[in-house]
Structures are given as C-alpha cells and as structure tokens.
Amino acid sequence: GAPRSVAFTSTTSGLLLTDKRELMVTTDGGKTWAIITPAGALHYAGELVAVPGTSTYLSFGFITGINPEPGARGTALSVDGGLNWHRCLRCDAWLPIVAAADTSAADAALPGVIDRSAITVPLRGKLLRDRYVLRLIAIDRALHFIVLAAIAIFIVLFARHEQQWARKFVGVLNNLQQAVGGHNALVAEIEKSFTLKSSTIWLAAAIVTAYALLEGVEAIGLWLAKRWAEYLTLIATTILLIPEVYEIAKGTSWLKIVTMVLNIAVVVYLLVAKRLFGIRGGGAAEEAERQRDIGWGAVDSVLPGPVATTKVSS
C-alpha cells in the first residue's frame, strides 16, 4: 500500500504505516522494509511518532479507517520497536495547540493549566543525596543540642541550690565511698564540684548553654540546606577537633575514636562535596550544578520511558 506515516528512532531503525493497514519495519535506514504483525491497539488510520534514541513509538488517530466507532480515537504506545502496542488512556486527553516560541502563552490557552513557573520541581540526583546527608548531620547536631541543653539546665539548678544539694549528698557520698572500698575517682570528682566557686559554676553553665545554642543553630540551618550553616558547621567542627585530639592523647576509647572519625568525615564532606572555601570551583560551581540539575530544563532533557533493547527482526 501507499505510505501513510513514517517515523525513525535512529538513522537506521524506523516504522512505516500504509493506507492498507500494514505496519512495516526497516533496520537499514529505509533501504528495505518488512511487514510485521503487531499486537495490541495500533492506530492504523493515524500517525506515527518516534522517540529518538529509543525503541519507543506513539501512534494516534483512529483504530480503523472505516466507520470508526465512538471512542476508537486515541493514542497507543509501543516500547519494543512496534511489536506490541498498548492504549495510552492519559494520552487520549491531549489537546492539539499551535506551537509557540513562548510556551507559557500556549499553556495559557488551555483551561485549568497552571503555568510551569509556579510549580516547584522536586530535587533529584546528587542534590537530593546531598539533602539527605545534610539532614543526617542536622539530626546529629539536634541530639547534641538536647543533651547539652539538659546539662546546662542541670548546672544552673546546681548553681542555684548548691548548698542544699551539698548537705543532701554528703551522706550519700560517704556511703558510696565506703561501699566501693575507700577512695574512688568518681566520688572524688563529685566532691570537688561542691567546692567550686559559684562564679566558676555559672561560667560553666554559660559555656555549655552557648555550645548548645550553636548546635541548635547548626541543626536548623543544615535541615533547611542553608549555605551559611554549612560554613558554620565546618568551622565549629574543625575547632572542636582540637580538644578531641587532646582527649585521645590522654587516653583512647572506642567512643572517642568513633566521635573523632565522624567529625572528620563531616569536615571532609563539607569541604569537598559542598565546595566550601573555593574548593572545586566554590560556590559558583555549586550554583551552576544546582541550576543544571533542578528546574524544568533538567526535566525536559530526560527522554520519557525506558530505553528498550528488543531487536526488531525483518
């Protein structure tokens, strides 16, 4: 029959639809054609459209060209080079519009269509993975905030009721000293706390409170993926590595080692992956990567449907 519609997915592979309800395939750029018998709802009295670089084809029009029944008009999809066709019910609702250089004008012509600029495209790829990592760090900082805040509250209560608590704990400490058999380091440290100056205790409360607030600010900023929070976390974590090294030098433990390794990992991640302080292009490279991976441009650059690997034999 005479050609009705032809579509190519590459320079060699294509389909041809004739006016005699024949579907033909070529794998040599159209030099030779072979008739194939497709299965499914191919629209013979319609048009073929190919998705370049895949084995995906669309056909739209009437299922039959002779007295089509109501509802027979629609769209069908094949992802295996035209061997099998499936009715695309969602595609049946598509409306033809006049192509325009400004797509927003064309969209505005359709009732109920929201301008795409008003839609926030979800994160994907590396940006989404970075968000997960930052929120894990934020959770860690939030736990630090809770613990430090509890310690700060205890120190303030201790400073306000030092004399009362001292009298109550004297008997307990004496009994504990006897129970452990003489002098004990823990008991000695508790006894020392009751001999500290009031000003020293209030200073300790202020330091712990400030540290807790720092951890809280880091947690909120990292959870919201703020750039300033990344810098704040990097600087604070790097500074706090100094006392951690000192503690390990005094005596090692699994808890000290794990804590230090995790903090070093956070520093390396923020420096390298988040490009802080100009590393790997700095903020400019980070923003360029963000603009490339988010928004409608990134969505439009991805072809729809999986790439089929089925070979069409002639």
C-alpha atoms as a PDB file:
ATOM      1  CA  GLY A   1       0.000   0.000   0.000  1.00  0.00           C
ATOM      2  CA  ALA A   2       0.900   3.678  -0.195  1.00  0.00           C
ATOM      3  CA  PRO A   3       2.835   5.125   2.729  1.00  0.00           C
ATOM      4  CA  ARG A   4       0.632   6.906   5.240  1.00  0.00           C
ATOM      5  CA  SER A   5       3.093   7.748   8.034  1.00  0.00           C
ATOM      6  CA  VAL A   6       6.747   7.040   8.733  1.00  0.00           C
ATOM      7  CA  ALA A   7       8.902   7.588  11.833  1.00  0.00           C
ATOM      8  CA  PHE A   8      12.546   6.843  12.684  1.00  0.00           C
ATOM      9  CA  THR A   9      14.090   6.379  16.145  1.00  0.00           C
ATOM     10  CA  SER A  10      17.588   6.442  14.651  1.00  0.00           C
ATOM     11  CA  THR A  11      19.308   6.740  11.296  1.00  0.00           C
ATOM     12  CA  THR A  12      18.695   3.031  10.663  1.00  0.00           C
ATOM     13  CA  SER A  13      15.567   1.954  12.589  1.00  0.00           C
ATOM     14  CA  GLY A  14      12.063   3.071  11.655  1.00  0.00           C
ATOM     15  CA  LEU A  15       8.424   2.132  11.110  1.00  0.00           C
ATOM     16  CA  LEU A  16       6.119   2.792   8.161  1.00  0.00           C
ATOM     17  CA  LEU A  17       2.313   2.704   8.208  1.00  0.00           C
ATOM     18  CA  THR A  18       0.464   2.190   4.922  1.00  0.00           C
ATOM     19  CA  ASP A  19      -3.091   3.007   3.852  1.00  0.00           C
ATOM     20  CA  LYS A  20      -3.780  -0.750   3.672  1.00  0.00           C
ATOM     21  CA  ARG A  21      -3.348  -1.243   7.436  1.00  0.00           C
ATOM     22  CA  GLU A  22       0.169  -2.604   7.050  1.00  0.00           C
ATOM     23  CA  LEU A  23       2.990  -1.891   9.509  1.00  0.00           C
ATOM     24  CA  MET A  24       6.490  -2.230   8.087  1.00  0.00           C
ATOM     25  CA  VAL A  25       9.902  -2.060   9.746  1.00  0.00           C
ATOM     26  CA  THR A  26      13.366  -1.170   8.488  1.00  0.00           C
ATOM     27  CA  THR A  27      16.751  -1.595  10.146  1.00  0.00           C
ATOM     28  CA  ASP A  28      18.888  -0.199   7.307  1.00  0.00           C
ATOM     29  CA  GLY A  29      17.667   3.363   7.039  1.00  0.00           C
ATOM     30  CA  GLY A  30      14.734   2.604   4.701  1.00  0.00           C
ATOM     31  CA  LYS A  31      16.573   0.668   2.008  1.00  0.00           C
ATOM     32  CA  THR A  32      14.466  -2.430   2.702  1.00  0.00           C
ATOM     33  CA  TRP A  33      11.155  -2.838   4.524  1.00  0.00           C
ATOM     34  CA  ALA A  34       9.492  -5.913   6.018  1.00  0.00           C
ATOM     35  CA  ILE A  35       5.879  -6.307   7.102  1.00  0.00           C
ATOM     36  CA  ILE A  36       5.359  -7.163  10.777  1.00  0.00           C
ATOM     37  CA  THR A  37       2.185  -8.193  12.583  1.00  0.00           C
ATOM     38  CA  PRO A  38       1.828  -6.045  15.693  1.00  0.00           C
ATOM     39  CA  ALA A  39      -0.251  -6.961  18.708  1.00  0.00           C
ATOM     40  CA  GLY A  40      -2.478  -4.506  20.526  1.00  0.00           C
ATOM     41  CA  ALA A  41      -4.288  -1.261  19.760  1.00  0.00           C
ATOM     42  CA  LEU A  42      -2.238   0.181  16.896  1.00  0.00           C
ATOM     43  CA  HIS A  43      -3.996   3.143  15.266  1.00  0.00           C
ATOM     44  CA  TYR A  44      -3.759   2.196  11.584  1.00  0.00           C
ATOM     45  CA  ALA A  45      -5.639   5.265  10.348  1.00  0.00           C
ATOM     46  CA  GLY A  46      -3.376   7.657  12.202  1.00  0.00           C
ATOM     47  CA  GLU A  47       0.136   8.993  12.515  1.00  0.00           C
ATOM     48  CA  LEU A  48       3.385   7.556  13.890  1.00  0.00           C
ATOM     49  CA  VAL A  49       5.776   9.451  16.155  1.00  0.00           C
ATOM     50  CA  ALA A  50       9.170   8.118  17.302  1.00  0.00           C
ATOM     51  CA  VAL A  51      11.171   8.923  20.434  1.00  0.00           C
ATOM     52  CA  PRO A  52      14.771   9.343  19.166  1.00  0.00           C
ATOM     53  CA  GLY A  53      17.417   7.120  20.696  1.00  0.00           C
ATOM     54  CA  THR A  54      14.917   4.538  21.986  1.00  0.00           C
ATOM     55  CA  SER A  55      12.667   1.786  20.638  1.00  0.00           C
ATOM     56  CA  THR A  56       9.546   3.756  21.603  1.00  0.00           C
ATOM     57  CA  TYR A  57       6.822   4.780  19.153  1.00  0.00           C
ATOM     58  CA  LEU A  58       3.465   6.531  19.508  1.00  0.00           C
ATOM     59  CA  SER A  59       0.514   6.140  17.167  1.00  0.00           C
ATOM     60  CA  PHE A  60      -2.514   8.395  17.300  1.00  0.00           C
ATOM     61  CA  GLY A  61      -5.716   8.658  15.293  1.00  0.00           C
ATOM     62  CA  PHE A  62      -8.455   6.066  14.653  1.00  0.00           C
ATOM     63  CA  ILE A  63      -8.042   2.354  15.304  1.00  0.00           C
ATOM     64  CA  THR A  64      -9.682   1.687  11.949  1.00  0.00           C
ATOM     65  CA  GLY A  65     -10.127   3.952   8.977  1.00  0.00           C
ATOM     66  CA  ILE A  66     -13.589   2.621   8.019  1.00  0.00           C
ATOM     67  CA  ASN A  67     -16.521   3.986  10.033  1.00  0.00           C
ATOM     68  CA  PRO A  68     -14.661   4.351  13.353  1.00  0.00           C
ATOM     69  CA  GLU A  69     -16.734   3.656  16.442  1.00  0.00           C
ATOM     70  CA  PRO A  70     -17.108   6.339  19.097  1.00  0.00           C
ATOM     71  CA  GLY A  71     -14.129   6.240  21.439  1.00  0.00           C
ATOM     72  CA  ALA A  72     -11.906   4.498  18.893  1.00  0.00           C
ATOM     73  CA  ARG A  73      -9.826   7.638  18.508  1.00  0.00           C
ATOM     74  CA  GLY A  74      -6.852   7.864  20.839  1.00  0.00           C
ATOM     75  CA  THR A  75      -3.164   7.168  21.369  1.00  0.00           C
ATOM     76  CA  ALA A  76      -1.170   3.938  21.616  1.00  0.00           C
ATOM     77  CA  LEU A  77       2.386   3.297  22.845  1.00  0.00           C
ATOM     78  CA  SER A  78       4.999   0.715  21.850  1.00  0.00           C
ATOM     79  CA  VAL A  79       8.318   0.344  23.673  1.00  0.00           C
ATOM     80  CA  ASP A  80       9.620  -2.668  21.733  1.00  0.00           C
ATOM     81  CA  GLY A  81      10.005  -1.291  18.230  1.00  0.00           C
ATOM     82  CA  GLY A  82       6.365  -1.683  17.185  1.00  0.00           C
ATOM     83  CA  LEU A  83       5.795  -5.338  18.063  1.00  0.00           C
ATOM     84  CA  ASN A  84       3.332  -4.668  20.893  1.00  0.00           C
ATOM     85  CA  TRP A  85       1.021  -1.664  21.343  1.00  0.00           C
ATOM     86  CA  HIS A  86      -0.826  -0.503  24.441  1.00  0.00           C
ATOM     87  CA  ARG A  87      -3.620   2.037  24.716  1.00  0.00           C
ATOM     88  CA  CYS A  88      -2.488   5.233  26.431  1.00  0.00           C
ATOM     89  CA  LEU A  89      -5.618   6.470  28.195  1.00  0.00           C
ATOM     90  CA  ARG A  90      -3.941   9.517  29.741  1.00  0.00           C
ATOM     91  CA  CYS A  91      -2.574  10.499  26.327  1.00  0.00           C
ATOM     92  CA  ASP A  92      -6.109  10.488  24.886  1.00  0.00           C
ATOM     93  CA  ALA A  93      -6.785  13.697  26.802  1.00  0.00           C
ATOM     94  CA  TRP A  94      -4.058  15.633  24.978  1.00  0.00           C
ATOM     95  CA  LEU A  95      -5.277  18.631  23.006  1.00  0.00           C
ATOM     96  CA  PRO A  96      -3.564  19.974  19.875  1.00  0.00           C
ATOM     97  CA  ILE A  97      -2.263  23.529  20.237  1.00  0.00           C
ATOM     98  CA  VAL A  98      -0.389  25.856  17.946  1.00  0.00           C
ATOM     99  CA  ALA A  99       3.353  25.744  18.559  1.00  0.00           C
ATOM    100  CA  ALA A 100       4.619  28.986  20.044  1.00  0.00           C
ATOM    101  CA  ALA A 101       8.054  30.316  20.849  1.00  0.00           C
ATOM    102  CA  ASP A 102       6.724  31.276  24.274  1.00  0.00           C
ATOM    103  CA  THR A 103       5.297  28.064  25.720  1.00  0.00           C
ATOM    104  CA  SER A 104       3.619  29.953  28.555  1.00  0.00           C
ATOM    105  CA  ALA A 105       1.322  31.637  26.007  1.00  0.00           C
ATOM    106  CA  ALA A 106       0.334  28.258  24.578  1.00  0.00           C
ATOM    107  CA  ASP A 107      -0.286  26.842  28.033  1.00  0.00           C
ATOM    108  CA  ALA A 108      -2.418  29.827  28.958  1.00  0.00           C
ATOM    109  CA  ALA A 109      -4.744  28.968  26.075  1.00  0.00           C
ATOM    110  CA  LEU A 110      -5.711  25.699  27.799  1.00  0.00           C
ATOM    111  CA  PRO A 111      -8.309  25.972  30.571  1.00  0.00           C
ATOM    112  CA  GLY A 112      -7.136  24.919  34.031  1.00  0.00           C
ATOM    113  CA  VAL A 113      -3.462  24.659  33.048  1.00  0.00           C
ATOM    114  CA  ILE A 114      -1.074  26.054  35.677  1.00  0.00           C
ATOM    115  CA  ASP A 115       1.985  27.908  34.458  1.00  0.00           C
ATOM    116  CA  ARG A 116       5.001  25.660  34.991  1.00  0.00           C
ATOM    117  CA  SER A 117       6.931  28.502  36.630  1.00  0.00           C
ATOM    118  CA  ALA A 118       4.504  28.244  39.553  1.00  0.00           C
ATOM    119  CA  ILE A 119       5.374  24.568  40.113  1.00  0.00           C
ATOM    120  CA  THR A 120       8.370  23.619  42.257  1.00  0.00           C
ATOM    121  CA  VAL A 121      10.249  20.720  40.697  1.00  0.00           C
ATOM    122  CA  PRO A 122      11.400  18.207  43.367  1.00  0.00           C
ATOM    123  CA  LEU A 123      15.105  17.673  43.947  1.00  0.00           C
ATOM    124  CA  ARG A 124      16.743  14.800  42.101  1.00  0.00           C
ATOM    125  CA  GLY A 125      20.114  13.138  41.666  1.00  0.00           C
ATOM    126  CA  LYS A 126      23.115  14.497  43.581  1.00  0.00           C
ATOM    127  CA  LEU A 127      21.173  17.420  45.055  1.00  0.00           C
ATOM    128  CA  LEU A 128      18.704  15.025  46.648  1.00  0.00           C
ATOM    129  CA  ARG A 129      21.519  12.858  48.045  1.00  0.00           C
ATOM    130  CA  ASP A 130      23.210  15.971  49.478  1.00  0.00           C
ATOM    131  CA  ARG A 131      19.952  16.955  51.168  1.00  0.00           C
ATOM    132  CA  TYR A 132      19.778  13.539  52.867  1.00  0.00           C
ATOM    133  CA  VAL A 133      23.383  13.817  54.105  1.00  0.00           C
ATOM    134  CA  LEU A 134      22.866  17.349  55.428  1.00  0.00           C
ATOM    135  CA  ARG A 135      19.753  16.268  57.298  1.00  0.00           C
ATOM    136  CA  LEU A 136      21.592  13.338  58.867  1.00  0.00           C
ATOM    137  CA  ILE A 137      24.199  15.806  60.139  1.00  0.00           C
ATOM    138  CA  ALA A 138      21.367  18.079  61.297  1.00  0.00           C
ATOM    139  CA  ILE A 139      19.836  15.220  63.310  1.00  0.00           C
ATOM    140  CA  ASP A 140      23.214  14.584  64.949  1.00  0.00           C
ATOM    141  CA  ARG A 141      23.512  18.270  65.851  1.00  0.00           C
ATOM    142  CA  ALA A 142      19.951  18.278  67.198  1.00  0.00           C
ATOM    143  CA  LEU A 143      20.800  15.370  69.523  1.00  0.00           C
ATOM    144  CA  HIS A 144      23.859  17.306  70.714  1.00  0.00           C
ATOM    145  CA  PHE A 145      21.621  20.308  71.395  1.00  0.00           C
ATOM    146  CA  ILE A 146      19.210  18.244  73.505  1.00  0.00           C
ATOM    147  CA  VAL A 147      21.994  16.678  75.602  1.00  0.00           C
ATOM    148  CA  LEU A 148      23.886  19.953  76.091  1.00  0.00           C
ATOM    149  CA  ALA A 149      20.704  21.844  76.941  1.00  0.00           C
ATOM    150  CA  ALA A 150      19.892  19.250  79.604  1.00  0.00           C
ATOM    151  CA  ILE A 151      23.417  19.566  81.042  1.00  0.00           C
ATOM    152  CA  ALA A 152      23.158  23.379  81.047  1.00  0.00           C
ATOM    153  CA  ILE A 153      19.838  23.227  82.922  1.00  0.00           C
ATOM    154  CA  PHE A 154      21.352  20.851  85.486  1.00  0.00           C
ATOM    155  CA  ILE A 155      24.354  23.157  86.029  1.00  0.00           C
ATOM    156  CA  VAL A 156      22.065  26.180  86.524  1.00  0.00           C
ATOM    157  CA  LEU A 157      19.959  24.253  89.055  1.00  0.00           C
ATOM    158  CA  PHE A 158      23.129  23.103  90.774  1.00  0.00           C
ATOM    159  CA  ALA A 159      24.417  26.688  90.999  1.00  0.00           C
ATOM    160  CA  ARG A 160      21.144  27.927  92.461  1.00  0.00           C
ATOM    161  CA  HIS A 161      20.830  25.120  95.041  1.00  0.00           C
ATOM    162  CA  GLU A 162      24.463  24.244  95.648  1.00  0.00           C
ATOM    163  CA  GLN A 163      24.334  24.424  99.466  1.00  0.00           C
ATOM    164  CA  GLN A 164      21.107  22.415  99.744  1.00  0.00           C
ATOM    165  CA  TRP A 165      22.348  19.726  97.381  1.00  0.00           C
ATOM    166  CA  ALA A 166      25.712  19.601  99.163  1.00  0.00           C
ATOM    167  CA  ARG A 167      24.087  18.755 102.515  1.00  0.00           C
ATOM    168  CA  LYS A 168      21.874  16.087 100.939  1.00  0.00           C
ATOM    169  CA  PHE A 169      24.712  14.445  99.031  1.00  0.00           C
ATOM    170  CA  VAL A 170      27.257  14.366 101.875  1.00  0.00           C
ATOM    171  CA  GLY A 171      25.694  11.273 103.436  1.00  0.00           C
ATOM    172  CA  VAL A 172      25.218   9.601 100.073  1.00  0.00           C
ATOM    173  CA  LEU A 173      28.834  10.258  99.117  1.00  0.00           C
ATOM    174  CA  ASN A 174      30.122   8.869 102.409  1.00  0.00           C
ATOM    175  CA  ASN A 175      28.077   5.688 101.995  1.00  0.00           C
ATOM    176  CA  LEU A 176      29.227   5.379  98.385  1.00  0.00           C
ATOM    177  CA  GLN A 177      32.846   5.839  99.449  1.00  0.00           C
ATOM    178  CA  GLN A 178      32.520   3.009 101.960  1.00  0.00           C
ATOM    179  CA  ALA A 179      30.661   0.775  99.508  1.00  0.00           C
ATOM    180  CA  VAL A 180      33.403   0.983  96.881  1.00  0.00           C
ATOM    181  CA  GLY A 181      36.060   0.368  99.472  1.00  0.00           C
ATOM    182  CA  GLY A 182      37.847   3.615 100.162  1.00  0.00           C
ATOM    183  CA  HIS A 183      38.788   6.394  97.759  1.00  0.00           C
ATOM    184  CA  ASN A 184      37.097   6.418  94.362  1.00  0.00           C
ATOM    185  CA  ALA A 185      37.846   8.765  91.448  1.00  0.00           C
ATOM    186  CA  LEU A 186      34.181   9.349  90.589  1.00  0.00           C
ATOM    187  CA  VAL A 187      33.314  10.142  94.192  1.00  0.00           C
ATOM    188  CA  ALA A 188      36.281  12.486  94.374  1.00  0.00           C
ATOM    189  CA  GLU A 189      35.122  14.398  91.274  1.00  0.00           C
ATOM    190  CA  ILE A 190      31.621  14.787  92.724  1.00  0.00           C
ATOM    191  CA  GLU A 191      33.102  16.084  95.965  1.00  0.00           C
ATOM    192  CA  LYS A 192      35.193  18.615  94.024  1.00  0.00           C
ATOM    193  CA  SER A 193      32.068  20.001  92.332  1.00  0.00           C
ATOM    194  CA  PHE A 194      30.753  21.122  95.710  1.00  0.00           C
ATOM    195  CA  THR A 195      33.957  23.053  96.409  1.00  0.00           C
ATOM    196  CA  LEU A 196      33.906  25.059  93.173  1.00  0.00           C
ATOM    197  CA  LYS A 197      33.319  28.781  93.302  1.00  0.00           C
ATOM    198  CA  SER A 198      29.846  29.962  92.363  1.00  0.00           C
ATOM    199  CA  SER A 199      31.287  32.124  89.581  1.00  0.00           C
ATOM    200  CA  THR A 200      33.038  29.088  88.109  1.00  0.00           C
ATOM    201  CA  ILE A 201      29.801  27.103  88.048  1.00  0.00           C
ATOM    202  CA  TRP A 202      27.900  29.949  86.356  1.00  0.00           C
ATOM    203  CA  LEU A 203      30.706  30.284  83.800  1.00  0.00           C
ATOM    204  CA  ALA A 204      30.446  26.581  83.030  1.00  0.00           C
ATOM    205  CA  ALA A 205      26.667  26.966  82.609  1.00  0.00           C
ATOM    206  CA  ALA A 206      27.190  29.863  80.183  1.00  0.00           C
ATOM    207  CA  ILE A 207      29.733  27.925  78.106  1.00  0.00           C
ATOM    208  CA  VAL A 208      27.553  24.828  77.861  1.00  0.00           C
ATOM    209  CA  THR A 209      24.497  26.947  77.004  1.00  0.00           C
ATOM    210  CA  ALA A 210      26.391  28.737  74.223  1.00  0.00           C
ATOM    211  CA  TYR A 211      27.596  25.396  72.860  1.00  0.00           C
ATOM    212  CA  ALA A 212      24.033  24.045  72.931  1.00  0.00           C
ATOM    213  CA  LEU A 213      22.733  27.093  71.062  1.00  0.00           C
ATOM    214  CA  LEU A 214      25.479  26.698  68.460  1.00  0.00           C
ATOM    215  CA  GLU A 215      24.491  23.078  67.874  1.00  0.00           C
ATOM    216  CA  GLY A 216      20.825  24.076  67.647  1.00  0.00           C
ATOM    217  CA  VAL A 217      21.506  26.778  65.062  1.00  0.00           C
ATOM    218  CA  GLU A 218      23.590  24.324  63.037  1.00  0.00           C
ATOM    219  CA  ALA A 219      20.787  21.751  63.138  1.00  0.00           C
ATOM    220  CA  ILE A 220      18.146  24.198  61.892  1.00  0.00           C
ATOM    221  CA  GLY A 221      20.367  25.668  59.172  1.00  0.00           C
ATOM    222  CA  LEU A 222      21.505  22.270  57.871  1.00  0.00           C
ATOM    223  CA  TRP A 223      17.944  20.913  57.875  1.00  0.00           C
ATOM    224  CA  LEU A 224      16.940  23.857  55.670  1.00  0.00           C
ATOM    225  CA  ALA A 225      20.085  23.357  53.499  1.00  0.00           C
ATOM    226  CA  LYS A 226      21.417  26.875  54.119  1.00  0.00           C
ATOM    227  CA  ARG A 227      24.886  27.658  52.807  1.00  0.00           C
ATOM    228  CA  TRP A 228      25.826  29.668  55.906  1.00  0.00           C
ATOM    229  CA  ALA A 229      25.015  26.658  58.088  1.00  0.00           C
ATOM    230  CA  GLU A 230      27.491  24.540  56.114  1.00  0.00           C
ATOM    231  CA  TYR A 231      30.261  27.084  56.804  1.00  0.00           C
ATOM    232  CA  LEU A 232      29.251  27.385  60.473  1.00  0.00           C
ATOM    233  CA  THR A 233      29.258  23.607  60.933  1.00  0.00           C
ATOM    234  CA  LEU A 234      32.622  23.234  59.183  1.00  0.00           C
ATOM    235  CA  ILE A 235      34.318  25.905  61.313  1.00  0.00           C
ATOM    236  CA  ALA A 236      32.795  24.723  64.609  1.00  0.00           C
ATOM    237  CA  THR A 237      33.536  21.057  63.944  1.00  0.00           C
ATOM    238  CA  THR A 238      37.133  21.815  62.900  1.00  0.00           C
ATOM    239  CA  ILE A 239      37.786  23.848  66.056  1.00  0.00           C
ATOM    240  CA  LEU A 240      36.301  21.141  68.277  1.00  0.00           C
ATOM    241  CA  LEU A 241      38.649  18.559  66.747  1.00  0.00           C
ATOM    242  CA  ILE A 242      41.455  20.137  68.831  1.00  0.00           C
ATOM    243  CA  PRO A 243      40.084  19.095  72.261  1.00  0.00           C
ATOM    244  CA  GLU A 244      39.097  15.706  70.790  1.00  0.00           C
ATOM    245  CA  VAL A 245      42.718  15.081  69.769  1.00  0.00           C
ATOM    246  CA  TYR A 246      43.801  16.153  73.269  1.00  0.00           C
ATOM    247  CA  GLU A 247      41.342  13.736  74.896  1.00  0.00           C
ATOM    248  CA  ILE A 248      42.530  10.849  72.726  1.00  0.00           C
ATOM    249  CA  ALA A 249      46.144  11.690  73.634  1.00  0.00           C
ATOM    250  CA  LYS A 250      45.207  11.387  77.317  1.00  0.00           C
ATOM    251  CA  GLY A 251      43.529   8.024  76.787  1.00  0.00           C
ATOM    252  CA  THR A 252      41.806   6.262  73.924  1.00  0.00           C
ATOM    253  CA  SER A 253      38.375   4.695  73.884  1.00  0.00           C
ATOM    254  CA  TRP A 254      36.047   3.444  71.151  1.00  0.00           C
ATOM    255  CA  LEU A 255      33.629   6.300  71.810  1.00  0.00           C
ATOM    256  CA  LYS A 256      36.359   8.934  71.419  1.00  0.00           C
ATOM    257  CA  ILE A 257      37.681   7.349  68.225  1.00  0.00           C
ATOM    258  CA  VAL A 258      34.242   6.964  66.623  1.00  0.00           C
ATOM    259  CA  THR A 259      33.306  10.552  67.510  1.00  0.00           C
ATOM    260  CA  MET A 260      36.508  11.915  66.016  1.00  0.00           C
ATOM    261  CA  VAL A 261      36.181   9.829  62.824  1.00  0.00           C
ATOM    262  CA  LEU A 262      32.597  11.027  62.308  1.00  0.00           C
ATOM    263  CA  ASN A 263      33.583  14.666  62.798  1.00  0.00           C
ATOM    264  CA  ILE A 264      36.491  14.324  60.353  1.00  0.00           C
ATOM    265  CA  ALA A 265      34.085  12.767  57.828  1.00  0.00           C
ATOM    266  CA  VAL A 266      31.727  15.743  58.247  1.00  0.00           C
ATOM    267  CA  VAL A 267      34.594  18.198  57.668  1.00  0.00           C
ATOM    268  CA  VAL A 268      35.822  16.373  54.542  1.00  0.00           C
ATOM    269  CA  TYR A 269      32.284  16.082  53.140  1.00  0.00           C
ATOM    270  CA  LEU A 270      31.519  19.762  53.623  1.00  0.00           C
ATOM    271  CA  LEU A 271      34.851  20.851  52.132  1.00  0.00           C
ATOM    272  CA  VAL A 272      34.823  18.582  49.092  1.00  0.00           C
ATOM    273  CA  ALA A 273      31.205  17.725  48.263  1.00  0.00           C
ATOM    274  CA  LYS A 274      29.782  21.148  49.164  1.00  0.00           C
ATOM    275  CA  ARG A 275      32.762  23.053  47.671  1.00  0.00           C
ATOM    276  CA  LEU A 276      33.323  25.345  50.648  1.00  0.00           C
ATOM    277  CA  PHE A 277      36.089  27.983  50.674  1.00  0.00           C
ATOM    278  CA  GLY A 278      36.517  27.841  46.906  1.00  0.00           C
ATOM    279  CA  ILE A 279      37.370  24.122  46.694  1.00  0.00           C
ATOM    280  CA  ARG A 280      36.381  22.510  43.348  1.00  0.00           C
ATOM    281  CA  GLY A 281      35.127  25.804  41.978  1.00  0.00           C
ATOM    282  CA  GLY A 282      33.466  27.010  45.167  1.00  0.00           C
ATOM    283  CA  GLY A 283      30.010  28.498  45.363  1.00  0.00           C
ATOM    284  CA  ALA A 284      29.880  29.381  41.658  1.00  0.00           C
ATOM    285  CA  ALA A 285      30.381  25.735  40.633  1.00  0.00           C
ATOM    286  CA  GLU A 286      27.878  24.639  43.278  1.00  0.00           C
ATOM    287  CA  GLU A 287      25.236  27.029  41.919  1.00  0.00           C
ATOM    288  CA  ALA A 288      25.944  26.009  38.310  1.00  0.00           C
ATOM    289  CA  GLU A 289      25.486  22.355  39.241  1.00  0.00           C
ATOM    290  CA  ARG A 290      22.266  23.213  41.054  1.00  0.00           C
ATOM    291  CA  GLN A 291      20.843  25.071  38.063  1.00  0.00           C
ATOM    292  CA  ARG A 292      21.775  22.178  35.769  1.00  0.00           C
ATOM    293  CA  ASP A 293      20.131  19.512  37.924  1.00  0.00           C
ATOM    294  CA  ILE A 294      16.962  21.304  39.046  1.00  0.00           C
ATOM    295  CA  GLY A 295      14.116  23.032  37.282  1.00  0.00           C
ATOM    296  CA  TRP A 296      12.231  22.254  34.130  1.00  0.00           C
ATOM    297  CA  GLY A 297      15.349  22.297  31.979  1.00  0.00           C
ATOM    298  CA  ALA A 298      16.626  19.187  33.751  1.00  0.00           C
ATOM    299  CA  VAL A 299      13.216  17.526  33.389  1.00  0.00           C
ATOM    300  CA  ASP A 300      12.910  18.401  29.698  1.00  0.00           C
ATOM    301  CA  SER A 301      16.369  16.959  28.977  1.00  0.00           C
ATOM    302  CA  VAL A 302      15.296  13.463  30.071  1.00  0.00           C
ATOM    303  CA  LEU A 303      13.582  11.368  27.426  1.00  0.00           C
ATOM    304  CA  PRO A 304      10.336   9.681  28.518  1.00  0.00           C
ATOM    305  CA  GLY A 305      10.139   5.924  29.009  1.00  0.00           C
ATOM    306  CA  PRO A 306      12.789   3.233  29.370  1.00  0.00           C
ATOM    307  CA  VAL A 307      15.195   2.517  26.557  1.00  0.00           C
ATOM    308  CA  ALA A 308      14.098  -0.779  25.048  1.00  0.00           C
ATOM    309  CA  THR A 309      16.689  -3.309  23.950  1.00  0.00           C
ATOM    310  CA  THR A 310      14.375  -5.600  21.943  1.00  0.00           C
ATOM    311  CA  LYS A 311      15.656  -6.121  18.411  1.00  0.00           C
ATOM    312  CA  VAL A 312      13.096  -5.978  15.605  1.00  0.00           C
ATOM    313  CA  SER A 313      13.835  -8.688  13.076  1.00  0.00           C
ATOM    314  CA  SER A 314      12.817  -8.416   9.491  1.00  0.00           C
END
